[in-house]
Amino acid sequence: MKHVYEGKTKTVYALDDGNFLLKFKDDATGENGKFDPGANTVGLSIEGMGRGGLALTDYFFKKLRSYGIPTHYVSADLEKAEMTVRPAQMFGNGLEVICRFKAVGSFMRRYGMYAKEGQDLDAFVEITLKDDERQDPPISKDALEMLGILSKEECKTLKKLTKKISKFIRDELFKKGLTLYDIKLEFGRVNGEVVLIDEISGGNMRVYKGGEIVEPMELVRLVLA
């Protein structure tokens, strides 16, 4: 097993069989000790966050697989907070795809002149570059194509998959009495196919219950109880 990459919330290792191992950390993104799934920096450490995040990822990836959604998931060891995945090629240096059902976070910071906090959005999809130095700037479909990051067909597939996955997760959370405000997904190519990669956990979505945001570990308890 060879160390490949040290990320904000996961460590990546290459396995001898060609797959990769993701080791989930207890670190979470945020600022000033406060959790924020849209932040670019690690702001705090939450005990059990790694195992909890993997437990939700394992739960949702298995459900999505049965729903016909392609992912890089192979298997998971919840006790060790480790997930084995197929090797995936990133788009450029990485993209983040956000699906928004409510106006909150960076959407409000950009469009607050016109939007109201918490107003309904119709599964609005936006794509940002993974670029901490430039604060993960949004990028248009035309720019993605012109810069050779995604083809026109891949852009269509990305948006279609994002909406399908996000609505599925929204509906699953609704069954638990929870409201999904937004979710951040990542995709890559596996054998030329666009597939869901990374994770689906409290660390990359905003979920509310009774008008209050649900913290990551509480989300694990509510969903998996």
Protein backbone atom coordinates (compact mmCIF):
# COMPACT_ATOMS: atom_id res chain seq x y z
CA MET A 1 0.00 0.00 0.00
CA LYS A 2 1.46 3.34 -1.09
CA HIS A 3 0.56 6.79 0.25
CA VAL A 4 -0.69 8.91 -2.66
CA TYR A 5 -2.41 12.02 -1.33
CA GLU A 6 -3.21 13.82 1.90
CA GLY A 7 -6.58 15.56 1.60
CA LYS A 8 -8.54 17.76 4.00
CA THR A 9 -10.80 14.98 5.24
CA LYS A 10 -9.28 11.79 3.74
CA THR A 11 -5.92 10.13 3.12
CA VAL A 12 -5.55 8.24 -0.17
CA TYR A 13 -3.47 5.09 -0.66
CA ALA A 14 -2.80 3.03 -3.80
CA LEU A 15 -3.39 -0.71 -3.37
CA ASP A 16 -1.45 -3.49 -5.07
CA ASP A 17 -4.53 -4.66 -7.01
CA GLY A 18 -4.92 -1.29 -8.78
CA ASN A 19 -7.71 0.02 -6.55
CA PHE A 20 -7.38 2.82 -4.00
CA LEU A 21 -8.01 3.02 -0.27
CA LEU A 22 -9.62 6.12 1.26
CA LYS A 23 -8.95 6.61 4.97
CA PHE A 24 -11.58 8.93 6.45
CA LYS A 25 -10.39 11.47 9.04
CA ASP A 26 -12.20 13.10 11.95
CA ASP A 27 -11.47 16.52 10.41
CA ALA A 28 -14.29 18.68 9.04
CA THR A 29 -14.36 21.80 6.87
CA GLY A 30 -15.36 25.08 8.47
CA GLU A 31 -14.07 28.30 10.01
CA ASN A 32 -13.41 29.41 13.57
CA GLY A 33 -14.36 26.03 14.95
CA LYS A 34 -17.75 26.04 13.24
CA PHE A 35 -18.75 23.37 10.71
CA ASP A 36 -19.42 24.57 7.15
CA PRO A 37 -19.64 22.05 4.25
CA GLY A 38 -18.90 24.86 1.79
CA ALA A 39 -15.64 25.96 3.40
CA ASN A 40 -12.23 25.40 1.78
CA THR A 41 -10.29 24.81 4.98
CA VAL A 42 -10.36 22.33 7.84
CA GLY A 43 -11.94 24.23 10.69
CA LEU A 44 -12.41 21.61 13.38
CA SER A 45 -12.07 17.97 14.35
CA ILE A 46 -15.13 15.98 15.45
CA GLU A 47 -14.60 12.70 17.27
CA GLY A 48 -16.04 9.85 15.22
CA MET A 49 -16.48 12.02 12.12
CA GLY A 50 -14.41 9.67 9.95
CA ARG A 51 -16.33 6.51 10.82
CA GLY A 52 -19.63 8.38 10.76
CA GLY A 53 -18.95 9.92 7.38
CA LEU A 54 -17.98 6.55 5.96
CA ALA A 55 -21.07 4.88 7.46
CA LEU A 56 -23.32 7.36 5.62
CA THR A 57 -21.26 7.05 2.43
CA ASP A 58 -21.52 3.27 2.57
CA TYR A 59 -25.28 3.53 3.20
CA PHE A 60 -25.97 5.93 0.32
CA PHE A 61 -23.54 4.40 -2.20
CA LYS A 62 -25.15 0.98 -1.76
CA LYS A 63 -28.61 2.47 -2.21
CA LEU A 64 -27.50 4.41 -5.29
CA ARG A 65 -25.97 1.27 -6.78
CA SER A 66 -29.33 -0.50 -6.48
CA TYR A 67 -30.88 2.60 -8.07
CA GLY A 68 -28.63 2.19 -11.11
CA ILE A 69 -26.20 5.02 -10.37
CA PRO A 70 -22.56 4.26 -11.31
CA THR A 71 -19.99 4.93 -8.56
CA HIS A 72 -16.38 4.08 -7.77
CA TYR A 73 -17.39 2.23 -4.58
CA VAL A 74 -16.04 -1.30 -4.04
CA SER A 75 -16.28 -2.00 -0.29
CA ALA A 76 -15.94 -0.43 3.14
CA ASP A 77 -14.52 -1.29 6.56
CA LEU A 78 -16.53 0.88 8.95
CA GLU A 79 -14.46 0.02 12.02
CA LYS A 80 -11.24 1.16 10.33
CA ALA A 81 -12.95 4.10 8.56
CA GLU A 82 -11.59 2.83 5.23
CA MET A 83 -13.25 2.56 1.82
CA THR A 84 -11.88 0.72 -1.21
CA VAL A 85 -12.68 2.35 -4.54
CA ARG A 86 -11.96 1.86 -8.23
CA PRO A 87 -9.39 4.24 -9.76
CA ALA A 88 -11.08 7.28 -11.27
CA GLN A 89 -9.69 10.00 -13.51
CA MET A 90 -10.53 13.52 -12.31
CA PHE A 91 -11.90 16.20 -14.58
CA GLY A 92 -9.00 18.63 -14.83
CA ASN A 93 -7.68 19.12 -11.30
CA GLY A 94 -11.09 18.31 -9.88
CA LEU A 95 -14.62 19.70 -9.96
CA GLU A 96 -17.29 20.09 -7.31
CA VAL A 97 -20.92 19.89 -8.41
CA ILE A 98 -23.49 21.51 -6.12
CA CYS A 99 -27.22 20.86 -6.26
CA ARG A 100 -29.30 23.43 -4.40
CA PHE A 101 -32.87 23.01 -3.16
CA LYS A 102 -32.77 26.08 -0.89
CA ALA A 103 -30.93 29.41 -1.10
CA VAL A 104 -28.14 29.34 1.48
CA GLY A 105 -24.37 29.63 1.83
CA SER A 106 -22.37 30.89 -1.16
CA PHE A 107 -25.56 31.17 -3.24
CA MET A 108 -26.75 33.90 -0.88
CA ARG A 109 -23.33 35.56 -0.79
CA ARG A 110 -23.42 35.88 -4.58
CA TYR A 111 -27.09 36.47 -5.27
CA GLY A 112 -28.37 37.99 -2.04
CA MET A 113 -29.54 41.11 -3.87
CA TYR A 114 -32.24 38.98 -5.48
CA ALA A 115 -32.61 35.88 -3.33
CA LYS A 116 -34.07 35.36 0.12
CA GLU A 117 -32.42 33.11 2.68
CA GLY A 118 -33.97 29.66 2.53
CA GLN A 119 -36.15 30.26 -0.53
CA ASP A 120 -36.93 27.26 -2.68
CA LEU A 121 -34.64 26.47 -5.62
CA ASP A 122 -35.54 23.92 -8.28
CA ALA A 123 -32.56 21.56 -7.94
CA PHE A 124 -30.24 24.32 -9.20
CA VAL A 125 -26.94 22.80 -10.36
CA GLU A 126 -23.68 24.70 -10.43
CA ILE A 127 -20.12 23.53 -11.02
CA THR A 128 -17.02 24.95 -9.34
CA LEU A 129 -13.33 24.31 -9.84
CA LYS A 130 -11.44 22.70 -6.96
CA ASP A 131 -9.03 25.61 -6.55
CA ASP A 132 -8.46 26.79 -2.98
CA GLU A 133 -6.23 29.66 -4.11
CA ARG A 134 -9.12 31.17 -6.13
CA GLN A 135 -11.85 30.18 -3.66
CA ASP A 136 -13.33 27.44 -5.86
CA PRO A 137 -14.69 29.70 -8.61
CA PRO A 138 -17.91 28.72 -10.44
CA ILE A 139 -17.39 27.72 -14.07
CA SER A 140 -19.87 27.65 -16.94
CA LYS A 141 -20.65 24.75 -19.26
CA ASP A 142 -19.12 26.65 -22.18
CA ALA A 143 -15.90 27.31 -20.27
CA LEU A 144 -15.62 23.66 -19.23
CA GLU A 145 -15.86 22.63 -22.87
CA MET A 146 -13.57 25.35 -24.24
CA LEU A 147 -10.87 24.60 -21.65
CA GLY A 148 -11.00 20.87 -22.41
CA ILE A 149 -12.11 19.89 -18.91
CA LEU A 150 -15.39 18.26 -19.96
CA SER A 151 -16.96 17.42 -23.29
CA LYS A 152 -20.42 18.72 -24.17
CA GLU A 153 -21.90 15.25 -23.64
CA GLU A 154 -20.12 14.82 -20.31
CA CYS A 155 -21.56 18.15 -19.14
CA LYS A 156 -25.05 16.87 -19.92
CA THR A 157 -24.37 13.59 -18.15
CA LEU A 158 -22.93 15.38 -15.12
CA LYS A 159 -25.98 17.59 -14.70
CA LYS A 160 -28.41 14.71 -15.25
CA LEU A 161 -26.63 12.47 -12.72
CA THR A 162 -26.35 15.30 -10.18
CA LYS A 163 -30.09 15.98 -10.25
CA LYS A 164 -30.97 12.29 -10.13
CA ILE A 165 -28.62 11.56 -7.21
CA SER A 166 -29.53 14.70 -5.26
CA LYS A 167 -33.28 14.17 -5.59
CA PHE A 168 -32.87 10.55 -4.51
CA ILE A 169 -30.94 11.62 -1.39
CA ARG A 170 -33.42 14.44 -0.70
CA ASP A 171 -36.29 11.95 -0.78
CA GLU A 172 -34.43 9.46 1.43
CA LEU A 173 -33.76 12.19 4.01
CA PHE A 174 -37.37 13.38 3.83
CA LYS A 175 -38.45 9.91 4.99
CA LYS A 176 -36.43 10.62 8.15
CA GLY A 177 -38.11 13.98 8.71
CA LEU A 178 -35.10 15.88 7.34
CA THR A 179 -34.82 18.60 4.68
CA LEU A 180 -31.87 18.71 2.28
CA TYR A 181 -30.89 22.32 1.48
CA ASP A 182 -27.90 21.57 -0.74
CA ILE A 183 -25.35 18.88 -1.48
CA LYS A 184 -21.87 18.86 -3.01
CA LEU A 185 -20.91 15.90 -5.22
CA GLU A 186 -17.78 14.86 -7.08
CA PHE A 187 -17.47 12.83 -10.28
CA GLY A 188 -14.72 11.22 -12.32
CA ARG A 189 -14.17 8.87 -15.24
CA VAL A 190 -13.91 5.13 -14.71
CA ASN A 191 -13.23 3.25 -17.94
CA GLY A 192 -14.52 6.27 -19.84
CA GLU A 193 -17.80 6.41 -17.90
CA VAL A 194 -18.83 9.38 -15.72
CA VAL A 195 -19.34 8.03 -12.19
CA LEU A 196 -19.96 9.39 -8.70
CA ILE A 197 -16.81 9.44 -6.54
CA ASP A 198 -15.60 10.64 -3.13
CA GLU A 199 -18.31 10.52 -0.45
CA ILE A 200 -21.89 11.33 0.53
CA SER A 201 -22.00 12.34 4.17
CA GLY A 202 -22.81 15.14 6.57
CA GLY A 203 -19.53 16.73 5.52
CA ASN A 204 -20.78 17.62 2.05
CA MET A 205 -24.42 18.55 2.54
CA ARG A 206 -26.60 20.95 4.50
CA VAL A 207 -29.51 19.20 6.17
CA TYR A 208 -32.12 20.86 8.37
CA LYS A 209 -34.68 19.59 10.87
CA GLY A 210 -37.31 21.92 12.27
CA GLY A 211 -35.53 24.94 10.82
CA GLU A 212 -32.21 24.10 12.50
CA ILE A 213 -29.13 22.75 10.73
CA VAL A 214 -28.26 19.15 11.60
CA GLU A 215 -24.63 18.63 12.61
CA PRO A 216 -22.73 15.79 10.86
CA MET A 217 -22.71 13.28 13.72
CA GLU A 218 -26.36 13.93 14.51
CA LEU A 219 -27.16 13.27 10.84
CA VAL A 220 -25.47 9.86 11.12
CA ARG A 221 -27.63 9.03 14.13
CA LEU A 222 -30.87 10.21 12.48
CA VAL A 223 -30.30 8.45 9.17
CA LEU A 224 -28.87 5.16 10.41
CA ALA A 225 -30.96 4.74 13.56
